[in-house]
């Protein structure tokens, strides 16, 4: 029997159940389908007639994938969206199903709820030491998070993303997260955040062996402090650069940066910048 013939023979009640089942990932959870308001008794004829099969206890899937595809193709977009909203609301109640809830909220175009679920799921992953998973969840949250929306929360999520990457020993990913934080701080005009981002980028670049990038980031932080910070703040930042340069056996440039640190500590006059 073709998928079209099977559809034509379905009573309305069975069709509604199968439409819901078709929207769930395959194989789907039978308890979830029941929690969505369908009775176990109404599922019996679907199993008895071979439309659904049970690959494992509590799970089910379509015997004929063409029938599922036919159901999905005929279903109105609004019906799919509303059902995905319903599934998302149900799944967000469980700690272990927050990521699944986020996927359904995305399908329902409720991206704000999807972000909240993924950030919460990342927190749960961190609590159990699953930093790689937490990083992935936060990255997926950032992908659907516009830069100008809840900028402080977005920056915090990016910092958590960098922290998780560091714990997972993925230093390249941590540096990429701080590059995104730097771009956000520049867009929002956060000078303090920009200085912090430069310093963090310098640290991760050093750990990655990219000393040219580390020096560049420290220099940019020092120049920014010189333009916008106090004399003491500027001096400390130039001293950080001087320390790094001397540790890299670049004594002349290190002494030049140290001279700037001394000058910044005493006054904010004009001083010749080193050549690094």
C-alpha atoms as a PDB file:
ATOM      1  CA  UNK A   1       0.000   0.000   0.000  1.00  0.00           C
ATOM      2  CA  UNK A   2       1.348   3.409  -0.949  1.00  0.00           C
ATOM      3  CA  UNK A   3       1.772   6.265   1.532  1.00  0.00           C
ATOM      4  CA  UNK A   4      -1.070   8.110  -0.212  1.00  0.00           C
ATOM      5  CA  UNK A   5      -3.409   5.161   0.245  1.00  0.00           C
ATOM      6  CA  UNK A   6      -2.467   4.817   3.907  1.00  0.00           C
ATOM      7  CA  UNK A   7      -3.206   8.506   4.472  1.00  0.00           C
ATOM      8  CA  UNK A   8      -6.610   8.263   2.815  1.00  0.00           C
ATOM      9  CA  UNK A   9      -7.607   5.374   5.086  1.00  0.00           C
ATOM     10  CA  UNK A  10      -6.586   7.046   8.358  1.00  0.00           C
ATOM     11  CA  UNK A  11      -9.371   8.190  10.707  1.00  0.00           C
ATOM     12  CA  UNK A  12      -9.045  11.805  11.922  1.00  0.00           C
ATOM     13  CA  UNK A  13      -7.831  10.806  15.393  1.00  0.00           C
ATOM     14  CA  UNK A  14      -5.055   8.623  14.061  1.00  0.00           C
ATOM     15  CA  UNK A  15      -3.991  11.253  11.568  1.00  0.00           C
ATOM     16  CA  UNK A  16      -3.561  13.855  14.349  1.00  0.00           C
ATOM     17  CA  UNK A  17      -1.357  11.470  16.327  1.00  0.00           C
ATOM     18  CA  UNK A  18       0.756  10.633  13.302  1.00  0.00           C
ATOM     19  CA  UNK A  19       1.192  14.307  12.406  1.00  0.00           C
ATOM     20  CA  UNK A  20       2.549  14.921  15.890  1.00  0.00           C
ATOM     21  CA  UNK A  21       4.771  11.845  15.676  1.00  0.00           C
ATOM     22  CA  UNK A  22       6.082  12.928  12.287  1.00  0.00           C
ATOM     23  CA  UNK A  23       7.363  16.211  13.726  1.00  0.00           C
ATOM     24  CA  UNK A  24       9.332  14.468  16.453  1.00  0.00           C
ATOM     25  CA  UNK A  25      12.823  13.127  15.860  1.00  0.00           C
ATOM     26  CA  UNK A  26      12.853   9.484  14.788  1.00  0.00           C
ATOM     27  CA  UNK A  27      12.629   7.239  16.667  1.00  0.00           C
ATOM     28  CA  UNK A  28      10.452   9.318  18.991  1.00  0.00           C
ATOM     29  CA  UNK A  29       9.580   9.017  22.660  1.00  0.00           C
ATOM     30  CA  UNK A  30       6.163   7.453  23.261  1.00  0.00           C
ATOM     31  CA  UNK A  31       5.928   9.008  26.780  1.00  0.00           C
ATOM     32  CA  UNK A  32       6.539  12.435  25.212  1.00  0.00           C
ATOM     33  CA  UNK A  33       3.731  11.854  22.719  1.00  0.00           C
ATOM     34  CA  UNK A  34       1.407  10.881  25.580  1.00  0.00           C
ATOM     35  CA  UNK A  35       2.469  13.966  27.564  1.00  0.00           C
ATOM     36  CA  UNK A  36       1.415  16.024  24.564  1.00  0.00           C
ATOM     37  CA  UNK A  37      -2.148  14.852  25.113  1.00  0.00           C
ATOM     38  CA  UNK A  38      -2.490  11.629  23.123  1.00  0.00           C
ATOM     39  CA  UNK A  39      -3.671   8.484  24.894  1.00  0.00           C
ATOM     40  CA  UNK A  40      -1.859   5.166  24.839  1.00  0.00           C
ATOM     41  CA  UNK A  41      -5.062   3.458  23.705  1.00  0.00           C
ATOM     42  CA  UNK A  42      -5.175   5.620  20.576  1.00  0.00           C
ATOM     43  CA  UNK A  43      -1.687   4.393  19.639  1.00  0.00           C
ATOM     44  CA  UNK A  44      -2.670   0.708  19.738  1.00  0.00           C
ATOM     45  CA  UNK A  45      -4.228   0.488  16.253  1.00  0.00           C
ATOM     46  CA  UNK A  46      -1.232   2.302  14.743  1.00  0.00           C
ATOM     47  CA  UNK A  47       1.099  -0.376  16.082  1.00  0.00           C
ATOM     48  CA  UNK A  48      -1.357  -3.209  15.365  1.00  0.00           C
ATOM     49  CA  UNK A  49      -1.713  -2.153  11.722  1.00  0.00           C
ATOM     50  CA  UNK A  50       2.034  -1.857  11.233  1.00  0.00           C
ATOM     51  CA  UNK A  51       2.072   1.923  10.704  1.00  0.00           C
ATOM     52  CA  UNK A  52       4.341   2.361  13.720  1.00  0.00           C
ATOM     53  CA  UNK A  53       6.902  -0.054  15.138  1.00  0.00           C
ATOM     54  CA  UNK A  54       8.775  -0.228  18.437  1.00  0.00           C
ATOM     55  CA  UNK A  55      12.587  -0.311  17.961  1.00  0.00           C
ATOM     56  CA  UNK A  56      13.094  -0.247  21.747  1.00  0.00           C
ATOM     57  CA  UNK A  57      10.929   0.102  24.868  1.00  0.00           C
ATOM     58  CA  UNK A  58       9.325   3.594  25.157  1.00  0.00           C
ATOM     59  CA  UNK A  59      10.364   4.357  21.559  1.00  0.00           C
ATOM     60  CA  UNK A  60       8.520   4.255  18.240  1.00  0.00           C
ATOM     61  CA  UNK A  61       9.108   5.099  14.607  1.00  0.00           C
ATOM     62  CA  UNK A  62       7.314   5.020  11.263  1.00  0.00           C
ATOM     63  CA  UNK A  63       7.506   1.708   9.451  1.00  0.00           C
ATOM     64  CA  UNK A  64       7.152   3.551   6.144  1.00  0.00           C
ATOM     65  CA  UNK A  65       9.309   6.697   5.974  1.00  0.00           C
ATOM     66  CA  UNK A  66       7.379   7.819   2.882  1.00  0.00           C
ATOM     67  CA  UNK A  67       4.217   8.087   4.990  1.00  0.00           C
ATOM     68  CA  UNK A  68       6.006  10.390   7.415  1.00  0.00           C
ATOM     69  CA  UNK A  69       7.315  12.538   4.563  1.00  0.00           C
ATOM     70  CA  UNK A  70       3.814  12.734   3.075  1.00  0.00           C
ATOM     71  CA  UNK A  71       2.355  13.860   6.401  1.00  0.00           C
ATOM     72  CA  UNK A  72       5.010  16.560   6.787  1.00  0.00           C
ATOM     73  CA  UNK A  73       4.555  17.841   3.249  1.00  0.00           C
ATOM     74  CA  UNK A  74       0.798  18.231   3.710  1.00  0.00           C
ATOM     75  CA  UNK A  75       0.929  19.858   7.143  1.00  0.00           C
ATOM     76  CA  UNK A  76       0.390  23.669   7.196  1.00  0.00           C
ATOM     77  CA  UNK A  77       3.412  25.691   8.354  1.00  0.00           C
ATOM     78  CA  UNK A  78       1.436  27.309  11.184  1.00  0.00           C
ATOM     79  CA  UNK A  79       0.413  23.906  12.511  1.00  0.00           C
ATOM     80  CA  UNK A  80       4.031  22.743  12.535  1.00  0.00           C
ATOM     81  CA  UNK A  81       5.132  25.910  14.321  1.00  0.00           C
ATOM     82  CA  UNK A  82       2.453  25.725  17.014  1.00  0.00           C
ATOM     83  CA  UNK A  83       3.182  22.071  17.664  1.00  0.00           C
ATOM     84  CA  UNK A  84       6.926  22.778  17.952  1.00  0.00           C
ATOM     85  CA  UNK A  85       6.100  25.498  20.490  1.00  0.00           C
ATOM     86  CA  UNK A  86       4.094  22.993  22.499  1.00  0.00           C
ATOM     87  CA  UNK A  87       6.909  20.434  22.454  1.00  0.00           C
ATOM     88  CA  UNK A  88       9.473  23.086  23.395  1.00  0.00           C
ATOM     89  CA  UNK A  89       7.429  24.211  26.397  1.00  0.00           C
ATOM     90  CA  UNK A  90       7.092  20.624  27.579  1.00  0.00           C
ATOM     91  CA  UNK A  91      10.778  19.742  27.142  1.00  0.00           C
ATOM     92  CA  UNK A  92      12.094  22.894  28.837  1.00  0.00           C
ATOM     93  CA  UNK A  93      10.712  21.577  32.148  1.00  0.00           C
ATOM     94  CA  UNK A  94      13.413  18.881  32.343  1.00  0.00           C
ATOM     95  CA  UNK A  95      17.124  19.485  32.979  1.00  0.00           C
ATOM     96  CA  UNK A  96      18.115  16.735  30.569  1.00  0.00           C
ATOM     97  CA  UNK A  97      15.916  17.934  27.702  1.00  0.00           C
ATOM     98  CA  UNK A  98      16.805  21.655  27.581  1.00  0.00           C
ATOM     99  CA  UNK A  99      18.861  21.283  24.403  1.00  0.00           C
ATOM    100  CA  UNK A 100      16.020  19.402  22.704  1.00  0.00           C
ATOM    101  CA  UNK A 101      13.629  22.134  23.826  1.00  0.00           C
ATOM    102  CA  UNK A 102      15.915  24.720  22.225  1.00  0.00           C
ATOM    103  CA  UNK A 103      15.824  22.834  18.909  1.00  0.00           C
ATOM    104  CA  UNK A 104      12.014  22.872  18.894  1.00  0.00           C
ATOM    105  CA  UNK A 105      11.903  26.552  19.859  1.00  0.00           C
ATOM    106  CA  UNK A 106      14.195  27.285  16.912  1.00  0.00           C
ATOM    107  CA  UNK A 107      11.817  25.404  14.625  1.00  0.00           C
ATOM    108  CA  UNK A 108       9.001  27.544  16.057  1.00  0.00           C
ATOM    109  CA  UNK A 109      11.122  30.702  15.453  1.00  0.00           C
ATOM    110  CA  UNK A 110      11.199  31.484  19.177  1.00  0.00           C
ATOM    111  CA  UNK A 111      14.913  32.183  19.253  1.00  0.00           C
ATOM    112  CA  UNK A 112      14.910  34.013  22.583  1.00  0.00           C
ATOM    113  CA  UNK A 113      13.523  30.930  24.337  1.00  0.00           C
ATOM    114  CA  UNK A 114      15.987  28.734  22.455  1.00  0.00           C
ATOM    115  CA  UNK A 115      18.897  30.862  23.720  1.00  0.00           C
ATOM    116  CA  UNK A 116      17.662  30.694  27.310  1.00  0.00           C
ATOM    117  CA  UNK A 117      17.378  26.900  27.120  1.00  0.00           C
ATOM    118  CA  UNK A 118      20.853  26.459  25.621  1.00  0.00           C
ATOM    119  CA  UNK A 119      22.511  28.747  28.163  1.00  0.00           C
ATOM    120  CA  UNK A 120      20.779  26.862  30.976  1.00  0.00           C
ATOM    121  CA  UNK A 121      21.769  23.535  29.432  1.00  0.00           C
ATOM    122  CA  UNK A 122      25.374  24.781  29.280  1.00  0.00           C
ATOM    123  CA  UNK A 123      25.260  25.592  33.007  1.00  0.00           C
ATOM    124  CA  UNK A 124      24.050  22.069  33.726  1.00  0.00           C
ATOM    125  CA  UNK A 125      26.865  20.647  31.591  1.00  0.00           C
ATOM    126  CA  UNK A 126      29.446  22.765  33.452  1.00  0.00           C
ATOM    127  CA  UNK A 127      28.204  21.481  36.799  1.00  0.00           C
ATOM    128  CA  UNK A 128      29.038  17.946  35.702  1.00  0.00           C
ATOM    129  CA  UNK A 129      32.377  18.927  34.143  1.00  0.00           C
ATOM    130  CA  UNK A 130      31.226  18.477  30.536  1.00  0.00           C
ATOM    131  CA  UNK A 131      33.018  21.574  29.268  1.00  0.00           C
ATOM    132  CA  UNK A 132      33.192  20.558  25.618  1.00  0.00           C
ATOM    133  CA  UNK A 133      29.423  20.052  25.588  1.00  0.00           C
ATOM    134  CA  UNK A 134      28.891  23.347  27.433  1.00  0.00           C
ATOM    135  CA  UNK A 135      31.060  25.173  24.895  1.00  0.00           C
ATOM    136  CA  UNK A 136      29.056  23.703  22.019  1.00  0.00           C
ATOM    137  CA  UNK A 137      25.749  24.712  23.624  1.00  0.00           C
ATOM    138  CA  UNK A 138      26.928  28.281  24.234  1.00  0.00           C
ATOM    139  CA  UNK A 139      28.306  28.537  20.699  1.00  0.00           C
ATOM    140  CA  UNK A 140      24.928  27.484  19.310  1.00  0.00           C
ATOM    141  CA  UNK A 141      23.227  30.030  21.568  1.00  0.00           C
ATOM    142  CA  UNK A 142      25.510  32.798  20.273  1.00  0.00           C
ATOM    143  CA  UNK A 143      24.753  31.799  16.663  1.00  0.00           C
ATOM    144  CA  UNK A 144      21.111  32.876  17.156  1.00  0.00           C
ATOM    145  CA  UNK A 145      21.903  35.864  19.404  1.00  0.00           C
ATOM    146  CA  UNK A 146      22.098  39.243  17.602  1.00  0.00           C
ATOM    147  CA  UNK A 147      25.036  41.344  18.785  1.00  0.00           C
ATOM    148  CA  UNK A 148      22.876  44.293  19.872  1.00  0.00           C
ATOM    149  CA  UNK A 149      20.330  42.260  21.861  1.00  0.00           C
ATOM    150  CA  UNK A 150      20.900  41.930  25.641  1.00  0.00           C
ATOM    151  CA  UNK A 151      24.537  42.858  25.077  1.00  0.00           C
ATOM    152  CA  UNK A 152      25.622  42.340  28.710  1.00  0.00           C
ATOM    153  CA  UNK A 153      24.112  38.843  28.884  1.00  0.00           C
ATOM    154  CA  UNK A 154      25.574  38.017  25.480  1.00  0.00           C
ATOM    155  CA  UNK A 155      29.052  39.127  26.614  1.00  0.00           C
ATOM    156  CA  UNK A 156      28.687  37.040  29.766  1.00  0.00           C
ATOM    157  CA  UNK A 157      27.727  34.020  27.659  1.00  0.00           C
ATOM    158  CA  UNK A 158      30.778  34.594  25.452  1.00  0.00           C
ATOM    159  CA  UNK A 159      33.044  34.748  28.527  1.00  0.00           C
ATOM    160  CA  UNK A 160      31.542  31.503  29.780  1.00  0.00           C
ATOM    161  CA  UNK A 161      32.136  30.054  26.324  1.00  0.00           C
ATOM    162  CA  UNK A 162      35.822  31.056  26.518  1.00  0.00           C
ATOM    163  CA  UNK A 163      36.083  29.629  30.044  1.00  0.00           C
ATOM    164  CA  UNK A 164      34.604  26.300  28.932  1.00  0.00           C
ATOM    165  CA  UNK A 165      36.951  26.155  25.957  1.00  0.00           C
ATOM    166  CA  UNK A 166      39.914  26.693  28.273  1.00  0.00           C
ATOM    167  CA  UNK A 167      38.774  23.947  30.624  1.00  0.00           C
ATOM    168  CA  UNK A 168      38.344  21.696  27.591  1.00  0.00           C
ATOM    169  CA  UNK A 169      41.906  22.647  26.532  1.00  0.00           C
ATOM    170  CA  UNK A 170      40.688  24.132  23.255  1.00  0.00           C
ATOM    171  CA  UNK A 171      42.744  27.331  23.402  1.00  0.00           C
ATOM    172  CA  UNK A 172      42.020  28.268  19.795  1.00  0.00           C
ATOM    173  CA  UNK A 173      38.288  28.244  20.477  1.00  0.00           C
ATOM    174  CA  UNK A 174      38.830  30.311  23.629  1.00  0.00           C
ATOM    175  CA  UNK A 175      40.736  32.918  21.634  1.00  0.00           C
ATOM    176  CA  UNK A 176      37.963  33.046  19.030  1.00  0.00           C
ATOM    177  CA  UNK A 177      35.440  33.670  21.817  1.00  0.00           C
ATOM    178  CA  UNK A 178      37.496  36.589  23.125  1.00  0.00           C
ATOM    179  CA  UNK A 179      37.770  38.006  19.600  1.00  0.00           C
ATOM    180  CA  UNK A 180      33.966  38.005  19.497  1.00  0.00           C
ATOM    181  CA  UNK A 181      33.884  39.702  22.925  1.00  0.00           C
ATOM    182  CA  UNK A 182      36.316  42.334  21.654  1.00  0.00           C
ATOM    183  CA  UNK A 183      34.104  43.056  18.644  1.00  0.00           C
ATOM    184  CA  UNK A 184      31.066  43.354  20.935  1.00  0.00           C
ATOM    185  CA  UNK A 185      32.873  45.759  23.284  1.00  0.00           C
ATOM    186  CA  UNK A 186      33.946  47.941  20.372  1.00  0.00           C
ATOM    187  CA  UNK A 187      30.390  48.022  19.048  1.00  0.00           C
ATOM    188  CA  UNK A 188      28.931  48.966  22.440  1.00  0.00           C
ATOM    189  CA  UNK A 189      31.707  51.415  23.369  1.00  0.00           C
ATOM    190  CA  UNK A 190      32.866  49.488  26.454  1.00  0.00           C
ATOM    191  CA  UNK A 191      36.456  50.622  26.980  1.00  0.00           C
ATOM    192  CA  UNK A 192      36.974  48.480  30.072  1.00  0.00           C
ATOM    193  CA  UNK A 193      35.672  45.441  28.240  1.00  0.00           C
ATOM    194  CA  UNK A 194      37.927  46.190  25.276  1.00  0.00           C
ATOM    195  CA  UNK A 195      41.036  46.387  27.476  1.00  0.00           C
ATOM    196  CA  UNK A 196      40.095  43.130  29.189  1.00  0.00           C
ATOM    197  CA  UNK A 197      39.556  41.445  25.829  1.00  0.00           C
ATOM    198  CA  UNK A 198      42.961  42.600  24.532  1.00  0.00           C
ATOM    199  CA  UNK A 199      44.648  41.232  27.640  1.00  0.00           C
ATOM    200  CA  UNK A 200      42.831  37.910  27.388  1.00  0.00           C
ATOM    201  CA  UNK A 201      43.683  37.641  23.692  1.00  0.00           C
ATOM    202  CA  UNK A 202      47.319  38.271  24.578  1.00  0.00           C
ATOM    203  CA  UNK A 203      47.233  35.480  27.152  1.00  0.00           C
ATOM    204  CA  UNK A 204      45.680  32.923  24.811  1.00  0.00           C
ATOM    205  CA  UNK A 205      47.944  33.957  21.934  1.00  0.00           C
ATOM    206  CA  UNK A 206      50.940  33.396  24.214  1.00  0.00           C
ATOM    207  CA  UNK A 207      49.655  29.940  25.193  1.00  0.00           C
ATOM    208  CA  UNK A 208      49.207  29.128  21.508  1.00  0.00           C
ATOM    209  CA  UNK A 209      52.747  30.255  20.755  1.00  0.00           C
ATOM    210  CA  UNK A 210      51.562  33.207  18.653  1.00  0.00           C
ATOM    211  CA  UNK A 211      53.847  35.778  20.254  1.00  0.00           C
ATOM    212  CA  UNK A 212      53.397  38.381  17.524  1.00  0.00           C
ATOM    213  CA  UNK A 213      49.648  38.439  18.203  1.00  0.00           C
ATOM    214  CA  UNK A 214      50.260  38.521  21.967  1.00  0.00           C
ATOM    215  CA  UNK A 215      52.519  41.562  21.656  1.00  0.00           C
ATOM    216  CA  UNK A 216      50.031  43.276  19.348  1.00  0.00           C
ATOM    217  CA  UNK A 217      47.173  42.750  21.805  1.00  0.00           C
ATOM    218  CA  UNK A 218      49.189  44.026  24.774  1.00  0.00           C
ATOM    219  CA  UNK A 219      50.280  47.076  22.787  1.00  0.00           C
ATOM    220  CA  UNK A 220      46.679  47.861  21.796  1.00  0.00           C
ATOM    221  CA  UNK A 221      45.591  47.546  25.432  1.00  0.00           C
ATOM    222  CA  UNK A 222      48.370  49.915  26.523  1.00  0.00           C
ATOM    223  CA  UNK A 223      47.534  52.464  23.828  1.00  0.00           C
ATOM    224  CA  UNK A 224      43.858  52.324  24.766  1.00  0.00           C
ATOM    225  CA  UNK A 225      44.692  52.852  28.436  1.00  0.00           C
ATOM    226  CA  UNK A 226      46.937  55.751  27.502  1.00  0.00           C
ATOM    227  CA  UNK A 227      44.082  57.447  25.638  1.00  0.00           C
ATOM    228  CA  UNK A 228      41.257  56.741  28.052  1.00  0.00           C
ATOM    229  CA  UNK A 229      42.563  55.600  31.441  1.00  0.00           C
ATOM    230  CA  UNK A 230      44.393  57.157  34.366  1.00  0.00           C
ATOM    231  CA  UNK A 231      48.153  57.601  34.394  1.00  0.00           C
ATOM    232  CA  UNK A 232      48.508  54.675  36.784  1.00  0.00           C
ATOM    233  CA  UNK A 233      46.336  52.389  34.617  1.00  0.00           C
ATOM    234  CA  UNK A 234      48.367  53.292  31.543  1.00  0.00           C
ATOM    235  CA  UNK A 235      51.629  52.684  33.395  1.00  0.00           C
ATOM    236  CA  UNK A 236      50.514  49.239  34.532  1.00  0.00           C
ATOM    237  CA  UNK A 237      49.501  48.267  31.011  1.00  0.00           C
ATOM    238  CA  UNK A 238      52.776  49.442  29.484  1.00  0.00           C
ATOM    239  CA  UNK A 239      54.621  47.563  32.242  1.00  0.00           C
ATOM    240  CA  UNK A 240      52.725  44.375  31.318  1.00  0.00           C
ATOM    241  CA  UNK A 241      53.949  44.789  27.744  1.00  0.00           C
ATOM    242  CA  UNK A 242      57.488  45.526  28.920  1.00  0.00           C
ATOM    243  CA  UNK A 243      57.521  42.381  31.061  1.00  0.00           C
ATOM    244  CA  UNK A 244      56.345  40.264  28.174  1.00  0.00           C
ATOM    245  CA  UNK A 245      58.884  41.704  25.759  1.00  0.00           C
ATOM    246  CA  UNK A 246      61.804  41.172  28.124  1.00  0.00           C
ATOM    247  CA  UNK A 247      60.632  37.609  28.738  1.00  0.00           C
ATOM    248  CA  UNK A 248      60.842  37.122  24.980  1.00  0.00           C
ATOM    249  CA  UNK A 249      64.448  38.411  25.035  1.00  0.00           C
ATOM    250  CA  UNK A 250      63.481  41.616  23.250  1.00  0.00           C
ATOM    251  CA  UNK A 251      65.375  43.753  25.713  1.00  0.00           C
ATOM    252  CA  UNK A 252      65.529  47.001  23.727  1.00  0.00           C
ATOM    253  CA  UNK A 253      61.790  47.070  23.054  1.00  0.00           C
ATOM    254  CA  UNK A 254      61.153  45.976  26.625  1.00  0.00           C
ATOM    255  CA  UNK A 255      63.201  48.874  27.990  1.00  0.00           C
ATOM    256  CA  UNK A 256      61.354  51.282  25.693  1.00  0.00           C
ATOM    257  CA  UNK A 257      57.990  50.003  26.997  1.00  0.00           C
ATOM    258  CA  UNK A 258      59.307  50.213  30.556  1.00  0.00           C
ATOM    259  CA  UNK A 259      60.264  53.842  29.942  1.00  0.00           C
ATOM    260  CA  UNK A 260      56.701  54.495  28.808  1.00  0.00           C
ATOM    261  CA  UNK A 261      55.416  52.787  31.955  1.00  0.00           C
ATOM    262  CA  UNK A 262      57.562  55.082  34.090  1.00  0.00           C
ATOM    263  CA  UNK A 263      56.448  58.130  32.123  1.00  0.00           C
ATOM    264  CA  UNK A 264      52.767  57.192  32.318  1.00  0.00           C
ATOM    265  CA  UNK A 265      53.084  56.717  36.070  1.00  0.00           C
ATOM    266  CA  UNK A 266      54.300  60.256  36.512  1.00  0.00           C
ATOM    267  CA  UNK A 267      52.505  62.293  33.828  1.00  0.00           C
ATOM    268  CA  UNK A 268      50.368  61.990  30.709  1.00  0.00           C
ATOM    269  CA  UNK A 269      52.648  63.947  28.391  1.00  0.00           C
ATOM    270  CA  UNK A 270      53.726  62.889  24.928  1.00  0.00           C
ATOM    271  CA  UNK A 271      56.411  60.194  24.794  1.00  0.00           C
ATOM    272  CA  UNK A 272      57.925  58.430  21.811  1.00  0.00           C
ATOM    273  CA  UNK A 273      56.364  54.968  21.359  1.00  0.00           C
ATOM    274  CA  UNK A 274      58.644  51.928  20.892  1.00  0.00           C
ATOM    275  CA  UNK A 275      58.904  50.332  17.452  1.00  0.00           C
ATOM    276  CA  UNK A 276      57.262  46.941  18.318  1.00  0.00           C
END
